[in-house]
N, C-alpha and C. Protein backbone atom coordinates (compact mmCIF):
# COMPACT_ATOMS: atom_id res chain seq x y z
N UNK A 1 96.35 -82.17 -102.65
CA UNK A 1 96.09 -81.77 -101.31
C UNK A 1 95.65 -80.21 -101.50
N UNK A 2 96.33 -79.50 -102.29
CA UNK A 2 96.15 -77.99 -102.56
C UNK A 2 94.80 -77.88 -103.25
N UNK A 3 94.68 -78.81 -104.29
CA UNK A 3 93.42 -78.82 -105.10
C UNK A 3 92.18 -78.98 -104.19
N UNK A 4 92.35 -80.01 -103.25
CA UNK A 4 91.21 -80.18 -102.42
C UNK A 4 90.97 -79.09 -101.46
N UNK A 5 91.88 -78.35 -101.09
CA UNK A 5 91.59 -77.15 -100.06
C UNK A 5 91.02 -75.87 -101.01
N UNK A 6 91.44 -75.86 -102.24
CA UNK A 6 90.91 -74.81 -103.17
C UNK A 6 89.51 -75.28 -103.46
N UNK A 7 89.17 -76.47 -103.66
CA UNK A 7 87.88 -76.86 -103.92
C UNK A 7 86.88 -76.48 -102.48
N UNK A 8 87.37 -76.95 -101.40
CA UNK A 8 86.66 -76.77 -100.42
C UNK A 8 86.45 -75.22 -99.93
N UNK A 9 87.41 -74.35 -100.28
CA UNK A 9 87.29 -72.85 -100.13
C UNK A 9 86.34 -72.34 -101.06
N UNK A 10 86.32 -72.71 -102.35
CA UNK A 10 85.54 -72.34 -103.36
C UNK A 10 84.07 -72.59 -103.02
N UNK A 11 83.78 -73.76 -102.64
CA UNK A 11 82.54 -74.31 -102.10
C UNK A 11 82.10 -73.43 -100.96
N UNK A 12 82.78 -73.34 -100.08
CA UNK A 12 82.48 -72.48 -98.77
C UNK A 12 81.99 -71.04 -99.31
N UNK A 13 82.78 -70.34 -100.04
CA UNK A 13 82.40 -68.96 -100.51
C UNK A 13 81.22 -69.01 -101.35
N UNK A 14 81.09 -70.04 -102.05
CA UNK A 14 79.88 -70.04 -102.87
C UNK A 14 78.57 -70.31 -102.09
N UNK A 15 78.76 -71.05 -101.08
CA UNK A 15 77.64 -71.20 -100.06
C UNK A 15 77.20 -69.88 -99.43
N UNK A 16 78.33 -69.22 -99.01
CA UNK A 16 78.21 -67.88 -98.35
C UNK A 16 77.42 -66.85 -99.21
N UNK A 17 77.94 -66.85 -100.46
CA UNK A 17 77.24 -65.89 -101.37
C UNK A 17 75.84 -66.13 -101.57
N UNK A 18 75.67 -67.48 -101.88
CA UNK A 18 74.12 -67.87 -102.10
C UNK A 18 73.28 -67.65 -100.88
N UNK A 19 73.73 -67.90 -99.71
CA UNK A 19 72.98 -67.73 -98.53
C UNK A 19 72.72 -66.28 -98.20
N UNK A 20 73.66 -65.35 -98.63
CA UNK A 20 73.53 -64.06 -98.38
C UNK A 20 72.48 -63.37 -99.44
N UNK A 21 72.16 -63.94 -100.47
CA UNK A 21 71.32 -63.37 -101.46
C UNK A 21 69.88 -63.57 -101.12
N UNK A 22 69.19 -62.33 -101.15
CA UNK A 22 67.78 -62.33 -100.90
C UNK A 22 66.98 -62.81 -102.24
N UNK A 23 66.46 -63.93 -102.12
CA UNK A 23 65.78 -64.45 -103.46
C UNK A 23 64.14 -64.21 -103.31
N UNK A 24 63.79 -63.60 -102.29
CA UNK A 24 62.25 -63.28 -102.27
C UNK A 24 61.91 -62.29 -103.30
N UNK A 25 60.98 -62.75 -104.13
CA UNK A 25 60.34 -61.99 -105.14
C UNK A 25 59.15 -61.17 -104.58
N UNK A 26 58.98 -59.89 -105.18
CA UNK A 26 57.93 -59.17 -104.64
C UNK A 26 56.62 -59.74 -105.29
N UNK A 27 55.68 -59.90 -104.40
CA UNK A 27 54.48 -60.41 -104.82
C UNK A 27 53.51 -59.21 -105.68
N UNK A 28 52.89 -59.84 -106.64
CA UNK A 28 52.09 -58.98 -107.52
C UNK A 28 50.89 -58.16 -106.57
N UNK A 29 51.04 -56.95 -106.44
CA UNK A 29 50.08 -56.22 -105.56
C UNK A 29 48.69 -56.23 -106.14
N UNK A 30 47.53 -56.25 -105.34
CA UNK A 30 46.31 -56.27 -105.78
C UNK A 30 45.93 -54.96 -106.60
N UNK A 31 46.49 -53.90 -106.17
CA UNK A 31 46.20 -52.55 -106.75
C UNK A 31 47.36 -52.21 -107.87
N UNK A 32 48.00 -53.15 -108.51
CA UNK A 32 49.08 -52.83 -109.41
C UNK A 32 48.70 -51.95 -110.45
N UNK A 33 49.58 -50.80 -110.65
CA UNK A 33 49.18 -49.92 -111.60
C UNK A 33 49.70 -50.45 -112.98
N UNK A 34 48.65 -50.40 -114.02
CA UNK A 34 48.94 -50.96 -115.24
C UNK A 34 50.14 -50.44 -115.86
N UNK A 35 50.91 -51.18 -116.83
CA UNK A 35 52.12 -50.79 -117.48
C UNK A 35 51.93 -49.31 -118.10
N UNK A 36 51.05 -49.13 -118.90
CA UNK A 36 50.91 -47.93 -119.62
C UNK A 36 50.51 -46.64 -118.70
N UNK A 37 49.86 -46.98 -117.67
CA UNK A 37 49.64 -45.87 -116.63
C UNK A 37 50.92 -45.56 -115.82
N UNK A 38 51.76 -46.66 -115.59
CA UNK A 38 53.02 -46.30 -114.92
C UNK A 38 53.94 -45.66 -115.72
N UNK A 39 53.92 -45.73 -117.22
CA UNK A 39 54.69 -44.99 -118.11
C UNK A 39 54.27 -43.53 -117.96
N UNK A 40 52.87 -43.35 -117.95
CA UNK A 40 52.49 -41.89 -117.81
C UNK A 40 52.85 -41.31 -116.51
N UNK A 41 52.80 -42.08 -115.36
CA UNK A 41 53.00 -41.54 -114.11
C UNK A 41 54.60 -41.15 -113.96
N UNK A 42 55.42 -42.15 -114.43
CA UNK A 42 56.83 -41.89 -114.48
C UNK A 42 57.28 -40.83 -115.26
N UNK A 43 56.72 -40.68 -116.50
CA UNK A 43 57.03 -39.62 -117.33
C UNK A 43 56.71 -38.29 -116.64
N UNK A 44 55.40 -38.06 -115.98
CA UNK A 44 55.02 -36.96 -115.32
C UNK A 44 56.02 -36.65 -114.21
N UNK A 45 56.23 -37.57 -113.42
CA UNK A 45 57.24 -37.37 -112.33
C UNK A 45 58.58 -36.86 -112.70
N UNK A 46 58.92 -37.52 -113.84
CA UNK A 46 60.34 -36.97 -114.33
C UNK A 46 60.21 -35.46 -114.75
N UNK A 47 59.25 -34.98 -115.38
CA UNK A 47 59.14 -33.71 -115.95
C UNK A 47 58.82 -32.82 -114.66
N UNK A 48 58.11 -33.08 -113.56
CA UNK A 48 58.01 -32.45 -112.45
C UNK A 48 59.21 -32.22 -111.60
N UNK A 49 59.95 -33.29 -111.60
CA UNK A 49 61.20 -33.29 -110.83
C UNK A 49 62.24 -32.31 -111.51
N UNK A 50 62.29 -32.45 -112.81
CA UNK A 50 63.03 -31.66 -113.71
C UNK A 50 62.81 -30.20 -113.48
N UNK A 51 61.37 -29.87 -113.38
CA UNK A 51 60.90 -28.49 -113.21
C UNK A 51 61.44 -28.05 -111.69
N UNK A 52 61.18 -28.99 -110.84
CA UNK A 52 61.73 -28.64 -109.47
C UNK A 52 63.20 -28.43 -109.29
N UNK A 53 63.98 -29.11 -110.19
CA UNK A 53 65.40 -28.91 -110.02
C UNK A 53 65.83 -27.61 -110.83
N UNK A 54 64.92 -27.21 -111.86
CA UNK A 54 65.22 -26.15 -112.56
C UNK A 54 65.00 -24.76 -111.86
N UNK A 55 63.82 -24.76 -111.13
CA UNK A 55 63.40 -23.59 -110.42
C UNK A 55 62.69 -24.00 -109.21
N UNK A 56 63.34 -24.51 -108.24
CA UNK A 56 62.64 -24.97 -106.96
C UNK A 56 61.73 -23.83 -106.24
N UNK A 57 62.41 -22.70 -106.22
CA UNK A 57 61.66 -21.45 -105.59
C UNK A 57 60.31 -21.21 -106.08
N UNK A 58 60.36 -21.22 -107.54
CA UNK A 58 59.02 -20.78 -108.24
C UNK A 58 57.99 -21.89 -108.02
N UNK A 59 58.48 -23.15 -107.95
CA UNK A 59 57.66 -24.21 -107.70
C UNK A 59 56.98 -24.20 -106.34
N UNK A 60 57.70 -23.94 -105.39
CA UNK A 60 57.36 -23.73 -103.94
C UNK A 60 56.37 -22.54 -103.76
N UNK A 61 56.61 -21.59 -104.67
CA UNK A 61 55.71 -20.47 -104.55
C UNK A 61 54.31 -20.71 -104.84
N UNK A 62 54.06 -21.75 -105.72
CA UNK A 62 52.78 -22.06 -106.13
C UNK A 62 52.05 -22.93 -105.14
N UNK A 63 52.75 -23.49 -104.19
CA UNK A 63 52.32 -24.35 -103.11
C UNK A 63 51.89 -25.71 -103.67
N UNK A 64 52.29 -25.94 -104.91
CA UNK A 64 52.05 -27.40 -105.27
C UNK A 64 53.14 -28.45 -104.84
N UNK A 65 52.61 -29.56 -104.42
CA UNK A 65 53.40 -30.52 -104.06
C UNK A 65 53.61 -31.45 -105.15
N UNK A 66 54.70 -31.58 -105.91
CA UNK A 66 54.81 -32.38 -107.30
C UNK A 66 54.45 -33.77 -107.28
N UNK A 67 54.94 -34.54 -106.35
CA UNK A 67 54.41 -35.98 -106.37
C UNK A 67 53.09 -36.03 -105.89
N UNK A 68 52.56 -35.35 -105.06
CA UNK A 68 51.14 -35.44 -104.68
C UNK A 68 50.26 -35.10 -105.71
N UNK A 69 50.61 -34.02 -106.64
CA UNK A 69 49.89 -33.56 -107.79
C UNK A 69 49.81 -34.60 -108.78
N UNK A 70 50.96 -35.41 -109.19
CA UNK A 70 50.95 -36.44 -110.07
C UNK A 70 50.04 -37.60 -109.58
N UNK A 71 50.14 -37.95 -108.33
CA UNK A 71 49.38 -38.90 -107.80
C UNK A 71 47.87 -38.73 -107.83
N UNK A 72 47.65 -37.54 -107.61
CA UNK A 72 46.09 -37.06 -107.63
C UNK A 72 45.58 -37.11 -109.10
N UNK A 73 46.51 -36.73 -109.98
CA UNK A 73 46.13 -36.55 -111.43
C UNK A 73 45.80 -37.98 -112.02
N UNK A 74 46.56 -38.91 -111.36
CA UNK A 74 46.32 -40.34 -111.93
C UNK A 74 45.45 -41.31 -111.07
N UNK A 75 45.04 -40.52 -109.99
CA UNK A 75 44.20 -41.46 -109.11
C UNK A 75 44.88 -42.62 -108.31
N UNK A 76 45.99 -42.25 -107.94
CA UNK A 76 46.83 -43.31 -107.27
C UNK A 76 47.41 -42.66 -105.90
N UNK A 77 47.82 -43.42 -104.98
CA UNK A 77 48.45 -42.92 -103.82
C UNK A 77 50.04 -43.53 -103.80
N UNK A 78 50.76 -42.96 -102.92
CA UNK A 78 52.30 -43.36 -102.90
C UNK A 78 52.56 -44.54 -102.61
N UNK A 79 51.66 -45.11 -101.74
CA UNK A 79 51.85 -46.61 -101.33
C UNK A 79 51.59 -47.63 -102.56
N UNK A 80 50.57 -47.28 -103.32
CA UNK A 80 50.38 -48.07 -104.55
C UNK A 80 51.50 -47.79 -105.56
N UNK A 81 51.88 -46.68 -105.77
CA UNK A 81 53.04 -46.47 -106.48
C UNK A 81 54.31 -47.09 -106.14
N UNK A 82 54.50 -47.04 -104.81
CA UNK A 82 55.81 -47.86 -104.32
C UNK A 82 55.61 -49.30 -104.59
N UNK A 83 54.55 -49.88 -104.10
CA UNK A 83 54.39 -51.37 -104.44
C UNK A 83 54.46 -51.68 -105.83
N UNK A 84 53.87 -50.87 -106.79
CA UNK A 84 53.87 -51.23 -108.18
C UNK A 84 55.28 -51.00 -108.71
N UNK A 85 55.97 -50.10 -108.25
CA UNK A 85 57.45 -49.79 -108.54
C UNK A 85 58.22 -50.98 -108.16
N UNK A 86 58.09 -51.41 -107.02
CA UNK A 86 58.87 -52.48 -106.43
C UNK A 86 58.56 -53.85 -107.21
N UNK A 87 57.39 -54.02 -107.48
CA UNK A 87 57.00 -55.25 -108.28
C UNK A 87 57.70 -55.18 -109.71
N UNK A 88 57.50 -53.87 -110.36
CA UNK A 88 58.00 -53.90 -111.70
C UNK A 88 59.62 -54.02 -111.73
N UNK A 89 60.25 -53.57 -110.65
CA UNK A 89 61.66 -53.65 -110.57
C UNK A 89 62.18 -55.04 -110.45
N UNK A 90 61.43 -55.92 -109.92
CA UNK A 90 61.73 -57.44 -109.96
C UNK A 90 61.44 -58.07 -111.28
N UNK A 91 60.63 -57.58 -112.08
CA UNK A 91 60.42 -57.85 -113.46
C UNK A 91 61.13 -57.25 -114.51
N UNK A 92 62.53 -57.61 -114.70
CA UNK A 92 63.50 -56.82 -115.41
C UNK A 92 63.11 -56.36 -116.82
N UNK A 93 62.45 -57.38 -117.61
CA UNK A 93 62.05 -57.08 -118.89
C UNK A 93 60.99 -56.01 -119.00
N UNK A 94 60.01 -56.08 -118.07
CA UNK A 94 58.99 -55.12 -118.06
C UNK A 94 59.41 -53.96 -117.59
N UNK A 95 60.21 -53.77 -116.64
CA UNK A 95 60.72 -52.70 -116.00
C UNK A 95 61.63 -51.89 -117.02
N UNK A 96 62.36 -52.66 -117.68
CA UNK A 96 63.19 -52.01 -118.93
C UNK A 96 62.29 -51.43 -119.95
N UNK A 97 61.27 -52.04 -120.25
CA UNK A 97 60.29 -51.69 -121.34
C UNK A 97 59.66 -50.35 -120.83
N UNK A 98 59.22 -50.39 -119.51
CA UNK A 98 58.74 -49.14 -119.05
C UNK A 98 59.60 -47.98 -119.12
N UNK A 99 60.75 -48.11 -118.61
CA UNK A 99 61.62 -46.92 -118.73
C UNK A 99 62.07 -46.49 -120.08
N UNK A 100 62.26 -47.60 -121.04
CA UNK A 100 62.48 -47.13 -122.43
C UNK A 100 61.38 -46.31 -122.87
N UNK A 101 59.98 -46.65 -122.56
CA UNK A 101 58.98 -45.81 -122.94
C UNK A 101 58.99 -44.44 -122.44
N UNK A 102 59.30 -44.38 -121.15
CA UNK A 102 59.40 -43.06 -120.40
C UNK A 102 60.52 -42.13 -121.22
N UNK A 103 61.64 -42.82 -121.42
CA UNK A 103 62.85 -42.12 -122.03
C UNK A 103 62.40 -41.62 -123.51
N UNK A 104 61.74 -42.50 -124.11
CA UNK A 104 61.12 -42.19 -125.59
C UNK A 104 60.19 -40.96 -125.51
N UNK A 105 59.29 -40.95 -124.62
CA UNK A 105 58.32 -39.93 -124.37
C UNK A 105 58.99 -38.52 -124.26
N UNK A 106 59.91 -38.61 -123.34
CA UNK A 106 60.59 -37.41 -122.85
C UNK A 106 61.40 -36.86 -123.96
N UNK A 107 62.04 -37.77 -124.97
CA UNK A 107 62.76 -37.11 -126.07
C UNK A 107 61.71 -36.56 -127.00
N UNK A 108 60.55 -37.24 -127.14
CA UNK A 108 59.63 -36.56 -128.13
C UNK A 108 59.29 -35.30 -127.50
N UNK A 109 58.97 -35.08 -126.28
CA UNK A 109 58.53 -33.75 -125.70
C UNK A 109 59.64 -32.83 -125.90
N UNK A 110 60.77 -33.31 -125.70
CA UNK A 110 61.96 -32.32 -125.71
C UNK A 110 62.03 -31.73 -127.08
N UNK A 111 61.80 -32.71 -128.09
CA UNK A 111 61.92 -32.30 -129.73
C UNK A 111 60.82 -31.27 -129.85
N UNK A 112 59.51 -31.56 -129.49
CA UNK A 112 58.44 -30.65 -129.55
C UNK A 112 58.78 -29.33 -129.10
N UNK A 113 59.09 -29.44 -127.88
CA UNK A 113 59.45 -27.90 -127.15
C UNK A 113 60.68 -27.22 -127.69
N UNK A 114 61.46 -27.97 -128.22
CA UNK A 114 62.69 -27.27 -128.98
C UNK A 114 62.19 -26.54 -130.21
N UNK A 115 61.38 -27.50 -130.87
CA UNK A 115 60.69 -26.68 -132.10
C UNK A 115 59.92 -25.47 -131.85
N UNK A 116 59.15 -25.61 -130.76
CA UNK A 116 58.31 -24.39 -130.40
C UNK A 116 59.05 -23.18 -129.99
N UNK A 117 60.21 -23.59 -129.26
CA UNK A 117 61.19 -22.43 -128.84
C UNK A 117 61.76 -21.84 -130.18
N UNK A 118 62.13 -22.53 -130.97
CA UNK A 118 62.75 -22.01 -132.30
C UNK A 118 61.81 -21.07 -133.05
N UNK A 119 60.53 -21.52 -133.10
CA UNK A 119 59.33 -20.74 -133.54
C UNK A 119 59.32 -19.46 -132.87
N UNK A 120 59.31 -19.46 -131.59
CA UNK A 120 59.22 -18.17 -130.63
C UNK A 120 60.34 -17.36 -131.03
N UNK A 121 61.58 -17.97 -131.05
CA UNK A 121 62.66 -17.03 -131.31
C UNK A 121 62.78 -16.37 -132.71
N UNK A 122 62.15 -17.17 -133.72
CA UNK A 122 62.07 -16.56 -135.04
C UNK A 122 61.07 -15.45 -134.97
N UNK A 123 59.90 -15.58 -134.33
CA UNK A 123 58.98 -14.50 -134.26
C UNK A 123 59.45 -13.26 -133.52
N UNK A 124 60.43 -13.54 -132.48
CA UNK A 124 60.91 -12.37 -131.71
C UNK A 124 61.80 -11.62 -132.54
N UNK A 125 62.66 -12.43 -133.16
CA UNK A 125 63.60 -11.77 -134.28
C UNK A 125 63.02 -11.14 -135.34
N UNK A 126 61.92 -11.61 -135.86
CA UNK A 126 61.09 -10.99 -136.93
C UNK A 126 60.52 -9.58 -136.44
N UNK A 127 59.88 -9.63 -135.06
CA UNK A 127 59.34 -8.47 -134.55
C UNK A 127 60.38 -7.27 -134.32
N UNK A 128 61.62 -7.73 -133.87
CA UNK A 128 62.66 -6.77 -133.62
C UNK A 128 63.25 -6.20 -134.96
N UNK A 129 63.18 -7.11 -135.92
CA UNK A 129 63.63 -6.63 -137.32
C UNK A 129 62.70 -5.62 -137.74
N UNK A 130 61.22 -6.09 -137.75
CA UNK A 130 60.28 -5.08 -138.22
C UNK A 130 60.33 -3.73 -137.39
N UNK A 131 60.54 -3.75 -136.02
CA UNK A 131 60.66 -2.51 -135.35
C UNK A 131 61.78 -1.77 -135.82
N UNK A 132 62.82 -2.37 -135.97
CA UNK A 132 64.20 -1.70 -136.37
C UNK A 132 63.80 -0.90 -137.86
N UNK A 133 63.24 -1.77 -138.76
CA UNK A 133 63.02 -1.25 -140.07
C UNK A 133 62.02 0.00 -139.96
N UNK A 134 61.05 -0.14 -139.14
CA UNK A 134 60.01 0.94 -139.04
C UNK A 134 60.59 2.11 -138.42
N UNK A 135 61.57 2.03 -137.47
CA UNK A 135 62.28 3.14 -136.94
C UNK A 135 63.20 3.80 -138.02
N UNK A 136 63.74 2.92 -138.83
CA UNK A 136 64.65 3.57 -139.77
C UNK A 136 63.83 4.24 -140.90
N UNK A 137 62.66 3.72 -141.09
CA UNK A 137 61.64 4.51 -142.17
C UNK A 137 61.40 5.67 -141.62
N UNK A 138 60.91 5.75 -140.18
CA UNK A 138 60.64 6.97 -139.71
C UNK A 138 61.76 8.11 -139.65
N UNK A 139 62.88 7.45 -139.40
CA UNK A 139 64.10 8.48 -139.51
C UNK A 139 64.21 9.03 -140.83
N UNK A 140 64.18 8.10 -141.94
CA UNK A 140 64.30 8.67 -143.27
C UNK A 140 63.29 9.58 -143.56
N UNK A 141 62.00 9.27 -143.18
CA UNK A 141 60.88 10.32 -143.39
C UNK A 141 61.22 11.64 -142.86
N UNK A 142 61.61 11.62 -141.59
CA UNK A 142 61.79 12.96 -140.78
C UNK A 142 63.01 13.50 -141.45
N UNK A 143 63.82 12.83 -142.15
CA UNK A 143 64.95 13.57 -142.83
C UNK A 143 64.67 14.43 -143.93
N UNK A 144 63.59 14.27 -144.66
CA UNK A 144 62.96 14.92 -145.84
C UNK A 144 62.03 15.99 -145.24
N UNK A 145 62.43 17.16 -145.35
CA UNK A 145 61.89 18.26 -144.77
C UNK A 145 60.29 18.52 -145.17
N UNK A 146 59.91 18.42 -146.42
CA UNK A 146 58.47 18.40 -146.69
C UNK A 146 57.67 17.27 -146.07
N UNK A 147 58.19 16.05 -146.02
CA UNK A 147 57.48 15.01 -145.43
C UNK A 147 57.48 15.23 -143.93
N UNK A 148 58.50 15.67 -143.30
CA UNK A 148 58.49 16.01 -141.87
C UNK A 148 57.45 16.95 -141.40
N UNK A 149 57.36 18.09 -142.32
CA UNK A 149 56.20 19.14 -142.00
C UNK A 149 54.84 18.46 -142.15
N UNK A 150 54.72 17.40 -143.12
CA UNK A 150 53.41 16.81 -143.34
C UNK A 150 53.06 15.95 -142.04
N UNK A 151 54.10 15.11 -141.58
CA UNK A 151 53.76 14.34 -140.42
C UNK A 151 53.50 15.30 -139.15
N UNK A 152 54.18 16.32 -139.02
CA UNK A 152 54.02 17.09 -137.88
C UNK A 152 52.70 17.87 -137.90
N UNK A 153 52.20 18.23 -139.19
CA UNK A 153 50.83 18.88 -139.38
C UNK A 153 49.80 17.67 -139.02
N UNK A 154 49.80 16.49 -139.60
CA UNK A 154 48.89 15.53 -139.32
C UNK A 154 48.79 15.22 -137.79
N UNK A 155 49.91 15.26 -137.08
CA UNK A 155 49.90 14.90 -135.66
C UNK A 155 49.21 16.16 -134.93
N UNK A 156 49.50 17.46 -135.49
CA UNK A 156 48.85 18.58 -134.85
C UNK A 156 47.41 18.34 -135.01
N UNK A 157 46.88 18.06 -136.19
CA UNK A 157 45.46 17.95 -136.62
C UNK A 157 44.78 16.86 -135.76
N UNK A 158 45.46 15.62 -135.57
CA UNK A 158 44.95 14.67 -134.66
C UNK A 158 44.61 15.21 -133.15
N UNK A 159 45.63 15.93 -132.81
CA UNK A 159 45.45 16.58 -131.36
C UNK A 159 44.22 17.40 -131.45
N UNK A 160 44.10 18.31 -132.34
CA UNK A 160 43.12 19.25 -132.40
C UNK A 160 41.68 18.61 -132.54
N UNK A 161 41.58 17.50 -133.32
CA UNK A 161 40.34 16.94 -133.69
C UNK A 161 39.97 15.99 -132.46
N UNK A 162 40.87 15.67 -131.49
CA UNK A 162 40.58 14.73 -130.47
C UNK A 162 39.68 15.47 -129.46
N UNK A 163 38.59 14.95 -129.07
CA UNK A 163 37.65 15.51 -128.10
C UNK A 163 38.42 15.59 -126.74
N UNK A 164 37.85 16.62 -125.98
CA UNK A 164 38.44 16.85 -124.66
C UNK A 164 37.93 15.80 -123.72
N UNK A 165 38.53 15.06 -122.97
CA UNK A 165 38.16 14.01 -122.19
C UNK A 165 37.29 14.50 -121.04
N UNK A 166 37.43 15.80 -120.53
CA UNK A 166 36.63 16.47 -119.53
C UNK A 166 35.26 16.83 -119.79
N UNK A 167 35.05 16.93 -121.09
CA UNK A 167 33.69 17.59 -121.53
C UNK A 167 32.88 16.23 -121.75
N UNK A 168 31.76 16.29 -121.16
CA UNK A 168 30.65 15.10 -121.42
C UNK A 168 30.14 14.94 -122.67
N UNK A 169 30.28 13.76 -123.41
CA UNK A 169 29.77 13.63 -124.68
C UNK A 169 28.39 13.95 -124.78
N UNK A 170 27.89 14.51 -126.07
CA UNK A 170 26.68 14.93 -126.31
C UNK A 170 26.07 13.94 -127.18
N UNK A 171 24.84 13.39 -126.82
CA UNK A 171 24.30 12.43 -127.65
C UNK A 171 23.58 12.99 -128.78
N UNK A 172 23.15 12.35 -129.82
CA UNK A 172 22.47 12.96 -131.00
C UNK A 172 21.12 13.52 -130.61
N UNK A 173 20.40 13.09 -129.73
CA UNK A 173 18.98 13.65 -129.32
C UNK A 173 19.11 14.82 -128.68
N UNK A 174 20.15 14.99 -127.79
CA UNK A 174 20.38 16.12 -127.13
C UNK A 174 20.80 17.31 -128.07
N UNK A 175 21.43 16.97 -129.02
CA UNK A 175 21.90 17.89 -130.13
C UNK A 175 20.89 18.49 -130.90
N UNK A 176 19.77 17.76 -131.13
CA UNK A 176 18.58 18.22 -131.90
C UNK A 176 17.63 19.18 -131.14
N UNK A 177 17.67 19.18 -129.88
CA UNK A 177 16.80 20.09 -128.93
C UNK A 177 17.39 21.43 -128.84
């Protein structure tokens, strides 16, 4: 008797769960965005949204609407994107492949930008070191009296040789007459 009640309850709950489930699959839209283009669009949207989260104020100052910018770039509209996204979300294997590709592209871009940032940091460090070395060299030159006098004389000579900016330059032809 208890087994029969358990069986009836189990069947009843199973029917309820099955009836509550929406089994309608999204139909393939006529203007479906191809998989590769969808990867491009999702990658761009991810980057734009990351930039928006990083510095929203700066992005707002440019007047660019991130989603609209990406949609215009790939010649799609928001409805087409939404329909394609809904269709691909029903296609689990394809959807997973798309998002794996997006994730892979973002990792590649991140490693490229990290490498570029390291090069820039090394350049800045080299310039700072070079500037520091040149300042130290000037300090050591200025510490030697004879060289200091020579540097000061050359600076004075450069000032004397420099033409006065208020006097109009004389051309060669005017000079001959």
